[in-house]
Amino acid sequence: MKVSSSVFRNVGNGSKNKSNSSVKLYGVQFADFKDNVFEKSKAIDMFLAVGDPVIMYSNTTFIDSEKIKSNSDKYIFITDTHNKK
């Protein structure tokens, strides 16, 4: 899965959002987030299951947003990730 050059603004904040996340990944083996902005949004929620998943974030900016929730620390930031409040 690849997500690039996207803006997630005010995503996941609705009362009907049962996952309480802006993006939910379950069992994904490869994900590449590149040049994205999360602004006033809920966290990226990842459940990393079997195998050796490759989850990469590069140049991902979080502005007044929750960051990443995961059952595992097997994800990497390739380049600087800006965490702004």
Protein backbone atom coordinates (compact mmCIF):
# COMPACT_ATOMS: atom_id res chain seq x y z
CA MET A 1 0.00 0.00 0.00
CA LYS A 2 1.32 3.46 -0.88
CA VAL A 3 -0.03 6.77 0.35
CA SER A 4 1.76 9.86 -0.92
CA SER A 5 1.31 13.61 -1.22
CA SER A 6 -1.96 13.55 0.70
CA VAL A 7 -3.48 15.80 3.35
CA PHE A 8 -5.65 14.30 6.08
CA ARG A 9 -7.43 17.25 7.66
CA ASN A 10 -9.90 16.72 10.50
CA VAL A 11 -10.13 12.99 9.72
CA GLY A 12 -11.54 10.48 12.18
CA ASN A 13 -13.05 12.95 14.63
CA GLY A 14 -16.69 12.10 13.95
CA SER A 15 -18.86 10.42 16.56
CA LYS A 16 -19.50 7.46 14.22
CA ASN A 17 -15.81 6.61 13.84
CA LYS A 18 -15.72 3.33 15.77
CA SER A 19 -12.01 2.75 15.10
CA ASN A 20 -11.05 6.14 16.59
CA SER A 21 -8.38 6.52 13.90
CA SER A 22 -7.73 8.39 10.66
CA VAL A 23 -6.17 5.34 8.97
CA LYS A 24 -6.45 1.76 10.20
CA LEU A 25 -4.06 -0.92 9.01
CA TYR A 26 -4.58 -4.55 10.00
CA GLY A 27 -2.09 -7.19 8.96
CA VAL A 28 -0.58 -5.09 6.19
CA GLN A 29 2.79 -6.44 5.06
CA PHE A 30 3.98 -3.35 3.18
CA ALA A 31 2.97 0.27 3.57
CA ASP A 32 4.79 3.37 2.38
CA PHE A 33 3.59 6.76 3.66
CA LYS A 34 5.48 9.55 1.91
CA ASP A 35 5.04 13.35 1.90
CA ASN A 36 1.75 13.34 3.82
CA VAL A 37 0.22 15.78 6.30
CA PHE A 38 -2.09 14.82 9.16
CA GLU A 39 -3.78 17.92 10.58
CA LYS A 40 -6.28 17.84 13.47
CA SER A 41 -6.77 14.14 12.83
CA LYS A 42 -6.90 10.92 14.80
CA ALA A 43 -3.95 8.52 14.92
CA ILE A 44 -2.79 6.04 12.33
CA ASP A 45 -3.74 2.73 13.97
CA MET A 46 -1.68 -0.28 12.98
CA PHE A 47 -2.02 -3.91 13.97
CA LEU A 48 1.07 -5.65 12.63
CA ALA A 49 0.52 -9.38 12.44
CA VAL A 50 2.61 -12.24 11.10
CA GLY A 51 5.78 -12.11 9.08
CA ASP A 52 8.13 -9.17 8.80
CA PRO A 53 5.96 -6.21 7.86
CA VAL A 54 7.63 -3.21 6.27
CA ILE A 55 5.87 -0.01 7.29
CA MET A 56 7.73 3.16 6.30
CA TYR A 57 7.02 6.81 6.95
CA SER A 58 8.99 9.55 5.25
CA ASN A 59 8.38 13.27 5.46
CA THR A 60 5.11 12.75 7.30
CA THR A 61 3.91 15.79 9.22
CA PHE A 62 1.52 15.66 12.19
CA ILE A 63 -0.05 19.02 13.11
CA ASP A 64 -2.31 19.03 16.18
CA SER A 65 -2.87 15.34 15.50
CA GLU A 66 -2.48 12.07 17.27
CA LYS A 67 0.45 10.19 15.82
CA ILE A 68 0.78 6.42 15.57
CA LYS A 69 -0.79 3.64 17.63
CA SER A 70 0.60 0.18 17.07
CA ASN A 71 0.85 -3.21 18.73
CA SER A 72 4.47 -3.34 17.53
CA ASP A 73 7.43 -1.03 17.07
CA LYS A 74 8.32 -2.63 13.71
CA TYR A 75 7.78 0.49 11.65
CA ILE A 76 10.38 3.01 10.61
CA PHE A 77 10.72 6.67 9.83
CA ILE A 78 12.99 6.98 6.82
CA THR A 79 13.46 10.73 7.01
CA ASP A 80 12.65 13.40 9.55
CA THR A 81 9.04 13.38 10.60
CA HIS A 82 7.73 16.70 11.85
CA ASN A 83 5.59 16.55 14.96
CA LYS A 84 3.98 19.92 15.53
CA LYS A 85 1.42 20.95 18.08
